[in-house]
């Protein structure tokens, strides 16, 4: 039996979401003049709230507005590394990191599965000792990175599909795996239903209510 512990990241391991803080961190270090586009981020967010823009498209648009359509990949990597250190020191929950370490110490393979962009998630994962990352991928072309999502936005049902594809790629048979899934948000209910054990961590009200019905454990790390 292969024991796996899969963690969402934003508001599960971190106190707050990470994409907005990443943009705030990255813009002055990459292209400070692009701050002039910040008001447009408010408009794209309004479009999302009005259901005129999808969650995935919102992410693409805001990254493009703040860093451009063709982002220097080497600079993005350096900025992401700095942001990872910033996140570890200011935005990670100590009890969440302790649970990650406890799962690893128990012989379980730890995986991050998150809707955040992989280019900075991988850097955060490295700092917390996690090798396996399932996240939203950008479209890369040599020395540049495009905000356009490569494949699916790793959210909701798509996250479950991406986790299952990762299992297949690692040649792990689902019937030969014992899986724990940790998340703060009800959008991860498909993954938690599919897992052997679900953990509602720092859960908002909808997930907390669903966890009570499903028998998932409720953890508060915040």
N, C-alpha and C. Protein backbone atom coordinates (compact mmCIF):
# COMPACT_ATOMS: atom_id res chain seq x y z
N UNK A 1 0.85 -1.19 0.00
CA UNK A 1 0.00 0.00 0.00
C UNK A 1 0.89 1.25 0.00
N UNK A 2 0.59 2.18 -0.92
CA UNK A 2 1.38 3.41 -1.02
C UNK A 2 0.63 4.54 -0.30
N UNK A 3 1.15 5.04 0.81
CA UNK A 3 0.47 6.11 1.55
C UNK A 3 0.82 7.49 0.99
N UNK A 4 -0.20 8.23 0.61
CA UNK A 4 -0.03 9.58 0.06
C UNK A 4 -0.81 10.58 0.89
N UNK A 5 -0.21 11.74 1.12
CA UNK A 5 -0.90 12.84 1.80
C UNK A 5 -0.85 14.05 0.87
N UNK A 6 -2.02 14.45 0.37
CA UNK A 6 -2.11 15.53 -0.61
C UNK A 6 -2.69 16.77 0.07
N UNK A 7 -1.97 17.87 -0.03
CA UNK A 7 -2.36 19.12 0.59
C UNK A 7 -2.69 20.18 -0.46
N UNK A 8 -3.83 20.82 -0.32
CA UNK A 8 -4.05 22.10 -0.99
C UNK A 8 -3.06 23.09 -0.37
N UNK A 9 -2.84 24.25 -1.00
CA UNK A 9 -1.87 25.19 -0.45
C UNK A 9 -2.53 26.45 0.12
N UNK A 10 -3.20 27.24 -0.73
CA UNK A 10 -3.73 28.53 -0.29
C UNK A 10 -4.78 28.36 0.80
N UNK A 11 -4.55 28.97 1.94
CA UNK A 11 -5.43 28.96 3.11
C UNK A 11 -5.52 27.58 3.78
N UNK A 12 -4.75 26.63 3.27
CA UNK A 12 -4.60 25.34 3.93
C UNK A 12 -3.25 25.31 4.63
N UNK A 13 -2.19 25.54 3.86
CA UNK A 13 -0.85 25.66 4.42
C UNK A 13 -0.51 27.13 4.70
N UNK A 14 -1.07 28.02 3.87
CA UNK A 14 -0.83 29.45 4.08
C UNK A 14 -2.02 30.09 4.78
N UNK A 15 -1.77 31.24 5.39
CA UNK A 15 -2.84 31.98 6.06
C UNK A 15 -3.80 32.60 5.04
N UNK A 16 -3.24 33.08 3.94
CA UNK A 16 -4.02 33.81 2.94
C UNK A 16 -3.68 33.28 1.56
N UNK A 17 -4.50 33.64 0.58
CA UNK A 17 -4.23 33.27 -0.81
C UNK A 17 -2.88 33.85 -1.24
N UNK A 18 -2.29 33.30 -2.28
CA UNK A 18 -0.93 33.69 -2.66
C UNK A 18 -0.81 34.43 -3.98
N UNK A 19 -1.80 34.35 -4.86
CA UNK A 19 -1.61 34.94 -6.19
C UNK A 19 -1.54 36.47 -6.13
N UNK A 20 -2.48 37.09 -5.41
CA UNK A 20 -2.43 38.54 -5.26
C UNK A 20 -1.13 39.00 -4.62
N UNK A 21 -0.72 38.39 -3.49
CA UNK A 21 0.57 38.75 -2.90
C UNK A 21 1.75 38.53 -3.84
N UNK A 22 1.68 37.48 -4.68
CA UNK A 22 2.76 37.28 -5.64
C UNK A 22 2.85 38.46 -6.59
N UNK A 23 1.73 38.91 -7.11
CA UNK A 23 1.75 40.04 -8.04
C UNK A 23 2.30 41.29 -7.36
N UNK A 24 1.88 41.52 -6.13
CA UNK A 24 2.36 42.68 -5.37
C UNK A 24 3.87 42.59 -5.17
N UNK A 25 4.36 41.40 -4.91
CA UNK A 25 5.80 41.18 -4.72
C UNK A 25 6.56 41.31 -6.04
N UNK A 26 5.99 40.77 -7.11
CA UNK A 26 6.72 40.66 -8.38
C UNK A 26 6.80 41.95 -9.17
N UNK A 27 5.73 42.72 -9.21
CA UNK A 27 5.69 43.89 -10.10
C UNK A 27 6.86 44.84 -9.86
N UNK A 28 7.13 45.29 -8.64
CA UNK A 28 8.24 46.23 -8.45
C UNK A 28 9.61 45.63 -8.76
N UNK A 29 9.71 44.32 -8.78
CA UNK A 29 10.99 43.64 -9.03
C UNK A 29 11.15 43.27 -10.50
N UNK A 30 10.05 43.29 -11.24
CA UNK A 30 10.11 42.88 -12.64
C UNK A 30 9.87 44.06 -13.59
N UNK A 31 8.78 44.74 -13.42
CA UNK A 31 8.43 45.87 -14.30
C UNK A 31 7.62 46.88 -13.51
N UNK A 32 8.28 47.72 -12.70
CA UNK A 32 7.56 48.63 -11.81
C UNK A 32 6.54 49.52 -12.52
N UNK A 33 6.81 49.87 -13.78
CA UNK A 33 5.90 50.75 -14.50
C UNK A 33 4.54 50.12 -14.74
N UNK A 34 4.47 48.80 -14.66
CA UNK A 34 3.20 48.12 -14.94
C UNK A 34 2.18 48.31 -13.82
N UNK A 35 2.58 48.98 -12.75
CA UNK A 35 1.63 49.29 -11.69
C UNK A 35 0.48 50.14 -12.22
N UNK A 36 0.70 50.81 -13.37
CA UNK A 36 -0.37 51.63 -13.96
C UNK A 36 -1.57 50.77 -14.36
N UNK A 37 -1.35 49.46 -14.52
CA UNK A 37 -2.44 48.57 -14.92
C UNK A 37 -3.22 48.02 -13.73
N UNK A 38 -2.79 48.36 -12.52
CA UNK A 38 -3.45 47.82 -11.33
C UNK A 38 -4.96 48.08 -11.30
N UNK A 39 -5.43 49.27 -11.70
CA UNK A 39 -6.89 49.48 -11.69
C UNK A 39 -7.65 48.50 -12.59
N UNK A 40 -6.98 48.02 -13.64
CA UNK A 40 -7.65 47.08 -14.54
C UNK A 40 -7.86 45.73 -13.87
N UNK A 41 -7.01 45.41 -12.89
CA UNK A 41 -7.19 44.17 -12.14
C UNK A 41 -8.52 44.21 -11.39
N UNK A 42 -8.89 45.38 -10.91
CA UNK A 42 -10.18 45.53 -10.24
C UNK A 42 -11.33 45.26 -11.21
N UNK A 43 -11.15 45.70 -12.46
CA UNK A 43 -12.19 45.49 -13.47
C UNK A 43 -12.30 44.01 -13.83
N UNK A 44 -11.17 43.33 -13.99
CA UNK A 44 -11.23 41.91 -14.33
C UNK A 44 -11.86 41.12 -13.18
N UNK A 45 -11.55 41.54 -11.96
CA UNK A 45 -12.13 40.85 -10.79
C UNK A 45 -13.63 41.07 -10.74
N UNK A 46 -14.06 42.28 -11.08
CA UNK A 46 -15.50 42.55 -11.14
C UNK A 46 -16.15 41.67 -12.21
N UNK A 47 -15.47 41.51 -13.35
CA UNK A 47 -15.98 40.65 -14.40
C UNK A 47 -16.13 39.21 -13.93
N UNK A 48 -15.20 38.76 -13.11
CA UNK A 48 -15.30 37.41 -12.55
C UNK A 48 -16.48 37.31 -11.60
N UNK A 49 -16.65 38.31 -10.75
CA UNK A 49 -17.75 38.29 -9.78
C UNK A 49 -19.10 38.30 -10.48
N UNK A 50 -19.14 38.95 -11.66
CA UNK A 50 -20.39 39.00 -12.44
C UNK A 50 -20.52 37.79 -13.37
N UNK A 51 -19.58 36.86 -13.27
CA UNK A 51 -19.55 35.64 -14.07
C UNK A 51 -19.39 35.91 -15.57
N UNK A 52 -18.70 37.00 -15.88
CA UNK A 52 -18.40 37.33 -17.27
C UNK A 52 -17.02 36.78 -17.66
N UNK A 53 -16.22 36.47 -16.66
CA UNK A 53 -14.85 35.97 -16.86
C UNK A 53 -14.68 34.72 -16.01
N UNK A 54 -14.12 33.68 -16.60
CA UNK A 54 -13.91 32.44 -15.84
C UNK A 54 -12.76 32.61 -14.85
N UNK A 55 -12.69 31.71 -13.89
CA UNK A 55 -11.61 31.74 -12.90
C UNK A 55 -10.24 31.61 -13.59
N UNK A 56 -10.14 30.71 -14.55
CA UNK A 56 -8.88 30.51 -15.26
C UNK A 56 -8.51 31.75 -16.07
N UNK A 57 -9.48 32.32 -16.76
CA UNK A 57 -9.21 33.50 -17.59
C UNK A 57 -8.83 34.69 -16.73
N UNK A 58 -9.45 34.81 -15.56
CA UNK A 58 -9.09 35.88 -14.63
C UNK A 58 -7.61 35.80 -14.27
N UNK A 59 -7.16 34.60 -13.99
CA UNK A 59 -5.76 34.40 -13.63
C UNK A 59 -4.84 34.80 -14.78
N UNK A 60 -5.17 34.36 -15.98
CA UNK A 60 -4.36 34.70 -17.15
C UNK A 60 -4.32 36.20 -17.38
N UNK A 61 -5.48 36.84 -17.30
CA UNK A 61 -5.56 38.27 -17.56
C UNK A 61 -4.76 39.07 -16.55
N UNK A 62 -4.87 38.73 -15.29
CA UNK A 62 -4.19 39.52 -14.27
C UNK A 62 -2.68 39.33 -14.31
N UNK A 63 -2.22 38.11 -14.60
CA UNK A 63 -0.78 37.91 -14.74
C UNK A 63 -0.25 38.67 -15.95
N UNK A 64 -1.02 38.65 -17.03
CA UNK A 64 -0.62 39.37 -18.24
C UNK A 64 -0.59 40.88 -18.00
N UNK A 65 -1.60 41.40 -17.31
CA UNK A 65 -1.63 42.83 -17.02
C UNK A 65 -0.43 43.28 -16.21
N UNK A 66 -0.07 42.49 -15.20
CA UNK A 66 0.93 42.95 -14.25
C UNK A 66 2.37 42.57 -14.62
N UNK A 67 2.55 41.50 -15.39
CA UNK A 67 3.91 41.11 -15.78
C UNK A 67 4.13 41.06 -17.28
N UNK A 68 3.05 41.12 -18.07
CA UNK A 68 3.19 41.13 -19.52
C UNK A 68 2.85 39.80 -20.16
N UNK A 69 2.77 39.82 -21.48
CA UNK A 69 2.37 38.63 -22.22
C UNK A 69 3.49 37.64 -22.46
N UNK A 70 4.73 38.13 -22.48
CA UNK A 70 5.91 37.27 -22.63
C UNK A 70 6.87 37.60 -21.50
N UNK A 71 6.85 36.79 -20.47
CA UNK A 71 7.60 37.05 -19.25
C UNK A 71 8.96 36.37 -19.33
N UNK A 72 10.00 37.10 -19.00
CA UNK A 72 11.35 36.52 -18.99
C UNK A 72 11.39 35.38 -17.97
N UNK A 73 11.63 34.17 -18.44
CA UNK A 73 11.53 32.99 -17.58
C UNK A 73 12.57 32.98 -16.47
N UNK A 74 13.80 33.43 -16.79
CA UNK A 74 14.86 33.43 -15.78
C UNK A 74 14.53 34.43 -14.67
N UNK A 75 14.04 35.60 -15.04
CA UNK A 75 13.66 36.60 -14.03
C UNK A 75 12.48 36.11 -13.20
N UNK A 76 11.54 35.47 -13.87
CA UNK A 76 10.38 34.94 -13.15
C UNK A 76 10.81 33.90 -12.13
N UNK A 77 11.78 33.08 -12.49
CA UNK A 77 12.27 32.05 -11.58
C UNK A 77 12.92 32.69 -10.36
N UNK A 78 13.73 33.73 -10.57
CA UNK A 78 14.40 34.40 -9.45
C UNK A 78 13.39 35.09 -8.53
N UNK A 79 12.42 35.75 -9.13
CA UNK A 79 11.40 36.44 -8.35
C UNK A 79 10.57 35.42 -7.57
N UNK A 80 10.25 34.31 -8.20
CA UNK A 80 9.46 33.27 -7.54
C UNK A 80 10.20 32.69 -6.34
N UNK A 81 11.52 32.54 -6.47
CA UNK A 81 12.32 32.04 -5.36
C UNK A 81 12.28 33.01 -4.19
N UNK A 82 12.39 34.30 -4.49
CA UNK A 82 12.30 35.31 -3.44
C UNK A 82 10.93 35.33 -2.80
N UNK A 83 9.90 35.20 -3.62
CA UNK A 83 8.54 35.19 -3.10
C UNK A 83 8.31 33.97 -2.21
N UNK A 84 8.90 32.84 -2.56
CA UNK A 84 8.74 31.64 -1.75
C UNK A 84 9.29 31.86 -0.35
N UNK A 85 10.47 32.49 -0.25
CA UNK A 85 11.04 32.79 1.05
C UNK A 85 10.17 33.75 1.83
N UNK A 86 9.63 34.73 1.13
CA UNK A 86 8.73 35.71 1.73
C UNK A 86 7.47 35.02 2.27
N UNK A 87 6.95 34.08 1.49
CA UNK A 87 5.74 33.34 1.89
C UNK A 87 6.02 32.46 3.11
N UNK A 88 7.15 31.78 3.09
CA UNK A 88 7.49 30.90 4.21
C UNK A 88 7.61 31.68 5.52
N UNK A 89 8.20 32.86 5.45
CA UNK A 89 8.43 33.64 6.67
C UNK A 89 7.20 34.39 7.14
N UNK A 90 6.28 34.73 6.20
CA UNK A 90 5.19 35.63 6.57
C UNK A 90 3.78 35.04 6.41
N UNK A 91 3.64 33.98 5.65
CA UNK A 91 2.29 33.56 5.29
C UNK A 91 2.01 32.08 5.54
N UNK A 92 2.99 31.33 6.00
CA UNK A 92 2.74 29.90 6.24
C UNK A 92 2.33 29.66 7.69
N UNK A 93 1.44 28.71 7.87
CA UNK A 93 0.95 28.35 9.20
C UNK A 93 1.88 27.31 9.82
N UNK A 94 2.39 27.62 11.00
CA UNK A 94 3.32 26.72 11.66
C UNK A 94 2.74 25.33 11.89
N UNK A 95 1.47 25.27 12.27
CA UNK A 95 0.85 23.97 12.54
C UNK A 95 0.64 23.18 11.25
N UNK A 96 0.43 23.89 10.15
CA UNK A 96 0.32 23.21 8.86
C UNK A 96 1.66 22.60 8.45
N UNK A 97 2.73 23.36 8.62
CA UNK A 97 4.05 22.84 8.28
C UNK A 97 4.42 21.66 9.17
N UNK A 98 4.01 21.74 10.44
CA UNK A 98 4.27 20.62 11.35
C UNK A 98 3.52 19.37 10.91
N UNK A 99 2.30 19.55 10.39
CA UNK A 99 1.54 18.39 9.92
C UNK A 99 2.17 17.80 8.66
N UNK A 100 2.64 18.66 7.78
CA UNK A 100 3.36 18.18 6.59
C UNK A 100 4.53 17.31 7.01
N UNK A 101 5.30 17.81 7.97
CA UNK A 101 6.47 17.06 8.44
C UNK A 101 6.05 15.77 9.13
N UNK A 102 4.95 15.80 9.89
CA UNK A 102 4.48 14.59 10.57
C UNK A 102 4.04 13.52 9.57
N UNK A 103 3.37 13.95 8.50
CA UNK A 103 2.95 13.00 7.46
C UNK A 103 4.18 12.36 6.81
N UNK A 104 5.17 13.19 6.53
CA UNK A 104 6.40 12.67 5.93
C UNK A 104 7.12 11.72 6.89
N UNK A 105 7.18 12.10 8.15
CA UNK A 105 7.86 11.26 9.14
C UNK A 105 7.17 9.91 9.33
N UNK A 106 5.86 9.89 9.05
CA UNK A 106 5.10 8.64 9.16
C UNK A 106 5.28 7.76 7.93
N UNK A 107 6.12 8.20 7.00
CA UNK A 107 6.40 7.39 5.82
C UNK A 107 5.46 7.66 4.66
N UNK A 108 4.71 8.75 4.73
CA UNK A 108 3.76 9.07 3.66
C UNK A 108 4.41 10.01 2.65
N UNK A 109 4.07 9.84 1.39
CA UNK A 109 4.57 10.72 0.33
C UNK A 109 3.69 11.96 0.30
N UNK A 110 4.29 13.13 0.45
CA UNK A 110 3.53 14.38 0.54
C UNK A 110 3.50 15.07 -0.83
N UNK A 111 2.32 15.55 -1.20
CA UNK A 111 2.09 16.19 -2.50
C UNK A 111 1.34 17.50 -2.26
N UNK A 112 1.71 18.55 -2.99
CA UNK A 112 0.90 19.77 -3.02
C UNK A 112 0.04 19.74 -4.28
N UNK A 113 -1.25 20.01 -4.13
CA UNK A 113 -2.17 20.10 -5.27
C UNK A 113 -2.94 21.40 -5.12
N UNK A 114 -2.66 22.36 -5.99
CA UNK A 114 -3.18 23.71 -5.80
C UNK A 114 -3.49 24.38 -7.12
N UNK A 115 -4.44 25.30 -7.09
CA UNK A 115 -4.79 26.07 -8.28
C UNK A 115 -3.78 27.15 -8.59
N UNK A 116 -2.89 27.46 -7.65
CA UNK A 116 -1.90 28.51 -7.88
C UNK A 116 -0.94 28.10 -8.99
N UNK A 117 -0.29 29.10 -9.56
CA UNK A 117 0.64 28.84 -10.66
C UNK A 117 1.85 28.04 -10.19
N UNK A 118 2.21 27.04 -10.97
CA UNK A 118 3.29 26.12 -10.60
C UNK A 118 4.63 26.82 -10.46
N UNK A 119 4.87 27.92 -11.21
CA UNK A 119 6.21 28.51 -11.19
C UNK A 119 6.61 29.00 -9.80
N UNK A 120 5.65 29.45 -8.99
CA UNK A 120 6.05 29.82 -7.63
C UNK A 120 5.69 28.75 -6.60
N UNK A 121 4.70 27.92 -6.90
CA UNK A 121 4.36 26.83 -5.98
C UNK A 121 5.55 25.88 -5.81
N UNK A 122 6.24 25.57 -6.91
CA UNK A 122 7.37 24.66 -6.82
C UNK A 122 8.47 25.22 -5.91
N UNK A 123 8.65 26.53 -5.95
CA UNK A 123 9.66 27.16 -5.09
C UNK A 123 9.25 27.06 -3.62
N UNK A 124 7.97 27.28 -3.34
CA UNK A 124 7.49 27.14 -1.96
C UNK A 124 7.62 25.69 -1.51
N UNK A 125 7.24 24.78 -2.39
CA UNK A 125 7.32 23.35 -2.07
C UNK A 125 8.74 22.95 -1.70
N UNK A 126 9.71 23.44 -2.45
CA UNK A 126 11.12 23.13 -2.17
C UNK A 126 11.50 23.56 -0.76
N UNK A 127 11.05 24.74 -0.36
CA UNK A 127 11.41 25.26 0.96
C UNK A 127 10.78 24.46 2.09
N UNK A 128 9.62 23.85 1.83
CA UNK A 128 8.98 23.08 2.91
C UNK A 128 9.24 21.57 2.75
N UNK A 129 10.15 21.24 1.84
CA UNK A 129 10.59 19.86 1.70
C UNK A 129 9.64 18.95 0.95
N UNK A 130 8.81 19.51 0.08
CA UNK A 130 7.87 18.72 -0.71
C UNK A 130 8.37 18.63 -2.15
N UNK A 131 8.52 17.43 -2.65
CA UNK A 131 9.06 17.24 -4.01
C UNK A 131 7.97 17.20 -5.08
N UNK A 132 6.78 16.77 -4.72
CA UNK A 132 5.73 16.53 -5.72
C UNK A 132 4.71 17.66 -5.72
N UNK A 133 4.51 18.25 -6.89
CA UNK A 133 3.61 19.40 -7.03
C UNK A 133 2.67 19.17 -8.20
N UNK A 134 1.39 19.38 -7.95
CA UNK A 134 0.37 19.39 -8.99
C UNK A 134 -0.25 20.79 -8.93
N UNK A 135 -0.09 21.57 -9.99
CA UNK A 135 -0.53 22.97 -9.94
C UNK A 135 -0.86 23.45 -11.35
N UNK A 136 -1.39 24.65 -11.42
CA UNK A 136 -1.74 25.25 -12.71
C UNK A 136 -0.46 25.61 -13.45
N UNK A 137 -0.34 25.15 -14.67
CA UNK A 137 0.88 25.35 -15.44
C UNK A 137 0.73 26.50 -16.43
N UNK A 138 1.81 27.22 -16.64
CA UNK A 138 1.86 28.24 -17.68
C UNK A 138 2.29 27.60 -19.00
N UNK A 139 2.20 28.38 -20.06
CA UNK A 139 2.69 27.95 -21.38
C UNK A 139 4.08 28.52 -21.56
N UNK A 140 5.08 27.66 -21.58
CA UNK A 140 6.48 28.11 -21.66
C UNK A 140 7.03 27.92 -23.06
N UNK A 141 7.84 28.88 -23.46
CA UNK A 141 8.46 28.82 -24.79
C UNK A 141 9.90 29.30 -24.68
N UNK A 142 10.79 28.37 -24.40
CA UNK A 142 12.21 28.73 -24.32
C UNK A 142 12.48 29.67 -23.16
N UNK A 143 12.88 30.89 -23.51
CA UNK A 143 13.28 31.86 -22.49
C UNK A 143 12.12 32.70 -21.96
N UNK A 144 10.94 32.45 -22.46
CA UNK A 144 9.80 33.24 -22.00
C UNK A 144 8.67 32.35 -21.48
N UNK A 145 7.86 32.95 -20.63
CA UNK A 145 6.70 32.28 -20.07
C UNK A 145 5.47 33.09 -20.40
N UNK A 146 4.44 32.44 -20.90
CA UNK A 146 3.17 33.09 -21.21
C UNK A 146 2.20 32.86 -20.06
N UNK A 147 1.39 33.87 -19.71
CA UNK A 147 0.36 33.66 -18.69
C UNK A 147 -0.70 32.64 -19.08
N UNK A 148 -0.76 32.30 -20.37
CA UNK A 148 -1.78 31.36 -20.83
C UNK A 148 -1.61 30.01 -20.14
N UNK A 149 -2.71 29.50 -19.60
CA UNK A 149 -2.67 28.24 -18.87
C UNK A 149 -2.48 27.07 -19.83
N UNK A 150 -1.55 26.22 -19.50
CA UNK A 150 -1.27 25.02 -20.27
C UNK A 150 -2.06 23.87 -19.66
N UNK A 151 -3.14 23.48 -20.32
CA UNK A 151 -4.01 22.46 -19.77
C UNK A 151 -5.16 23.08 -19.00
N UNK A 152 -5.42 22.56 -17.80
CA UNK A 152 -6.54 23.05 -17.01
C UNK A 152 -6.08 23.86 -15.81
N UNK A 153 -6.95 24.75 -15.37
CA UNK A 153 -6.76 25.42 -14.09
C UNK A 153 -7.01 24.37 -13.00
N UNK A 154 -6.06 24.18 -12.11
CA UNK A 154 -6.10 23.09 -11.14
C UNK A 154 -7.08 23.42 -10.00
N UNK A 155 -8.36 23.33 -10.32
CA UNK A 155 -9.40 23.78 -9.39
C UNK A 155 -10.63 22.89 -9.55
N UNK A 156 -11.26 22.53 -8.44
CA UNK A 156 -12.50 21.76 -8.49
C UNK A 156 -12.32 20.39 -9.12
N UNK A 157 -13.23 20.05 -10.03
CA UNK A 157 -13.16 18.76 -10.71
C UNK A 157 -11.86 18.61 -11.50
N UNK A 158 -11.37 19.74 -12.04
CA UNK A 158 -10.11 19.69 -12.79
C UNK A 158 -8.96 19.27 -11.90
N UNK A 159 -8.97 19.69 -10.65
CA UNK A 159 -7.90 19.28 -9.74
C UNK A 159 -7.91 17.76 -9.56
N UNK A 160 -9.08 17.19 -9.40
CA UNK A 160 -9.16 15.74 -9.27
C UNK A 160 -8.61 15.05 -10.51
N UNK A 161 -8.97 15.56 -11.70
CA UNK A 161 -8.45 14.96 -12.92
C UNK A 161 -6.93 15.05 -12.98
N UNK A 162 -6.40 16.19 -12.56
CA UNK A 162 -4.95 16.38 -12.61
C UNK A 162 -4.24 15.49 -11.58
N UNK A 163 -4.85 15.30 -10.42
CA UNK A 163 -4.28 14.39 -9.42
C UNK A 163 -4.29 12.96 -9.96
N UNK A 164 -5.39 12.57 -10.59
CA UNK A 164 -5.47 11.22 -11.15
C UNK A 164 -4.45 11.03 -12.27
N UNK A 165 -4.25 12.07 -13.09
CA UNK A 165 -3.26 11.98 -14.15
C UNK A 165 -1.85 11.87 -13.57
N UNK A 166 -1.61 12.60 -12.47
CA UNK A 166 -0.31 12.51 -11.80
C UNK A 166 -0.08 11.09 -11.28
N UNK A 167 -1.10 10.49 -10.67
CA UNK A 167 -0.98 9.11 -10.19
C UNK A 167 -0.60 8.17 -11.33
N UNK A 168 -1.28 8.35 -12.46
CA UNK A 168 -1.00 7.50 -13.62
C UNK A 168 0.44 7.70 -14.08
N UNK A 169 0.87 8.97 -14.10
CA UNK A 169 2.24 9.25 -14.52
C UNK A 169 3.28 8.66 -13.59
N UNK A 170 2.94 8.58 -12.31
CA UNK A 170 3.85 7.99 -11.32
C UNK A 170 3.68 6.48 -11.23
N UNK A 171 2.78 5.94 -12.06
CA UNK A 171 2.49 4.50 -12.07
C UNK A 171 2.03 3.99 -10.70
N UNK A 172 1.16 4.79 -10.08
CA UNK A 172 0.56 4.41 -8.80
C UNK A 172 -0.88 3.99 -9.06
N UNK A 173 -1.19 2.76 -8.75
CA UNK A 173 -2.55 2.23 -8.91
C UNK A 173 -3.40 2.76 -7.75
N UNK A 174 -4.55 3.35 -8.09
CA UNK A 174 -5.40 3.92 -7.04
C UNK A 174 -5.78 2.87 -6.01
N UNK A 175 -5.99 1.66 -6.43
CA UNK A 175 -6.40 0.62 -5.49
C UNK A 175 -5.25 0.20 -4.57
N UNK A 176 -4.05 0.61 -4.92
CA UNK A 176 -2.87 0.27 -4.12
C UNK A 176 -2.37 1.48 -3.34
N UNK A 177 -3.22 2.51 -3.22
CA UNK A 177 -2.81 3.73 -2.52
C UNK A 177 -3.79 4.07 -1.41
N UNK A 178 -3.26 4.55 -0.31
CA UNK A 178 -4.10 5.11 0.75
C UNK A 178 -3.86 6.61 0.74
N UNK A 179 -4.93 7.37 0.46
CA UNK A 179 -4.78 8.81 0.19
C UNK A 179 -5.51 9.65 1.23
N UNK A 180 -4.79 10.61 1.78
CA UNK A 180 -5.38 11.65 2.61
C UNK A 180 -5.37 12.95 1.83
N UNK A 181 -6.46 13.71 1.96
CA UNK A 181 -6.53 15.00 1.25
C UNK A 181 -6.91 16.09 2.24
N UNK A 182 -6.10 17.16 2.26
CA UNK A 182 -6.29 18.27 3.18
C UNK A 182 -6.65 19.54 2.39
N UNK A 183 -7.75 20.20 2.75
CA UNK A 183 -8.13 21.43 2.06
C UNK A 183 -9.01 22.30 2.94
N UNK A 184 -9.00 23.59 2.62
CA UNK A 184 -9.83 24.56 3.34
C UNK A 184 -11.14 24.87 2.62
N UNK A 185 -11.27 24.44 1.34
CA UNK A 185 -12.36 24.98 0.51
C UNK A 185 -13.22 23.87 -0.08
N UNK A 186 -14.52 24.15 -0.16
CA UNK A 186 -15.48 23.17 -0.65
C UNK A 186 -15.25 22.81 -2.12
N UNK A 187 -14.53 23.64 -2.85
CA UNK A 187 -14.22 23.30 -4.25
C UNK A 187 -13.40 22.02 -4.35
N UNK A 188 -12.75 21.64 -3.25
CA UNK A 188 -11.96 20.40 -3.25
C UNK A 188 -12.77 19.20 -2.78
N UNK A 189 -14.08 19.34 -2.67
CA UNK A 189 -14.92 18.21 -2.27
C UNK A 189 -14.75 17.00 -3.20
N UNK A 190 -14.62 17.18 -4.52
CA UNK A 190 -14.40 15.99 -5.37
C UNK A 190 -13.15 15.21 -4.98
N UNK A 191 -12.07 15.92 -4.66
CA UNK A 191 -10.84 15.24 -4.24
C UNK A 191 -11.02 14.57 -2.89
N UNK A 192 -11.72 15.23 -1.99
CA UNK A 192 -11.89 14.69 -0.65
C UNK A 192 -12.81 13.48 -0.66
N UNK A 193 -13.82 13.49 -1.52
CA UNK A 193 -14.69 12.32 -1.69
C UNK A 193 -13.91 11.13 -2.23
N UNK A 194 -13.00 11.41 -3.13
CA UNK A 194 -12.21 10.38 -3.81
C UNK A 194 -11.14 9.79 -2.90
N UNK A 195 -10.65 10.61 -1.96
CA UNK A 195 -9.59 10.17 -1.05
C UNK A 195 -10.12 9.16 -0.04
N UNK A 196 -9.23 8.46 0.59
CA UNK A 196 -9.62 7.56 1.68
C UNK A 196 -9.99 8.34 2.94
N UNK A 197 -9.29 9.44 3.16
CA UNK A 197 -9.55 10.29 4.32
C UNK A 197 -9.55 11.75 3.88
N UNK A 198 -10.58 12.47 4.27
CA UNK A 198 -10.65 13.90 3.99
C UNK A 198 -10.46 14.70 5.27
N UNK A 199 -9.72 15.81 5.15
CA UNK A 199 -9.47 16.69 6.29
C UNK A 199 -9.85 18.12 5.90
N UNK A 200 -10.88 18.64 6.53
CA UNK A 200 -11.29 20.02 6.30
C UNK A 200 -10.45 20.90 7.22
N UNK A 201 -9.50 21.61 6.64
CA UNK A 201 -8.52 22.35 7.43
C UNK A 201 -8.74 23.85 7.27
N UNK A 202 -8.87 24.54 8.40
CA UNK A 202 -9.14 25.99 8.37
C UNK A 202 -10.36 26.27 7.49
N UNK A 203 -11.33 25.41 7.57
CA UNK A 203 -12.40 25.36 6.56
C UNK A 203 -13.36 26.54 6.67
N UNK A 204 -13.79 27.02 5.48
CA UNK A 204 -14.87 28.00 5.47
C UNK A 204 -16.19 27.26 5.73
N UNK A 205 -17.25 28.04 5.97
CA UNK A 205 -18.51 27.46 6.45
C UNK A 205 -19.07 26.36 5.54
N UNK A 206 -19.09 26.54 4.20
CA UNK A 206 -19.64 25.47 3.35
C UNK A 206 -18.90 24.14 3.49
N UNK A 207 -17.57 24.19 3.56
CA UNK A 207 -16.81 22.95 3.71
C UNK A 207 -17.00 22.37 5.10
N UNK A 208 -17.05 23.21 6.09
CA UNK A 208 -17.25 22.73 7.47
C UNK A 208 -18.58 21.98 7.57
N UNK A 209 -19.62 22.54 6.94
CA UNK A 209 -20.93 21.89 6.97
C UNK A 209 -20.90 20.57 6.21
N UNK A 210 -20.24 20.55 5.05
CA UNK A 210 -20.15 19.32 4.26
C UNK A 210 -19.33 18.27 5.00
N UNK A 211 -18.26 18.71 5.66
CA UNK A 211 -17.42 17.78 6.41
C UNK A 211 -18.22 17.08 7.51
N UNK A 212 -19.10 17.82 8.15
CA UNK A 212 -19.93 17.24 9.22
C UNK A 212 -20.83 16.14 8.65
N UNK A 213 -21.34 16.36 7.42
CA UNK A 213 -22.21 15.36 6.79
C UNK A 213 -21.41 14.15 6.31
N UNK A 214 -20.21 14.41 5.79
CA UNK A 214 -19.41 13.34 5.18
C UNK A 214 -18.57 12.57 6.19
N UNK A 215 -18.42 13.14 7.38
CA UNK A 215 -17.56 12.49 8.36
C UNK A 215 -16.09 12.79 8.19
N UNK A 216 -15.77 13.86 7.46
CA UNK A 216 -14.37 14.27 7.31
C UNK A 216 -13.90 14.95 8.58
N UNK A 217 -12.65 14.73 8.92
CA UNK A 217 -12.10 15.39 10.11
C UNK A 217 -11.96 16.88 9.88
N UNK A 218 -12.21 17.64 10.92
CA UNK A 218 -12.08 19.10 10.86
C UNK A 218 -10.88 19.51 11.68
N UNK A 219 -9.95 20.21 11.06
CA UNK A 219 -8.72 20.68 11.70
C UNK A 219 -8.65 22.19 11.60
N UNK A 220 -8.19 22.82 12.66
CA UNK A 220 -8.02 24.28 12.65
C UNK A 220 -6.56 24.60 12.95
N UNK A 221 -5.83 25.04 11.92
CA UNK A 221 -4.42 25.36 12.07
C UNK A 221 -4.18 26.85 12.14
N UNK A 222 -5.16 27.65 11.85
CA UNK A 222 -4.96 29.10 11.78
C UNK A 222 -4.80 29.67 13.19
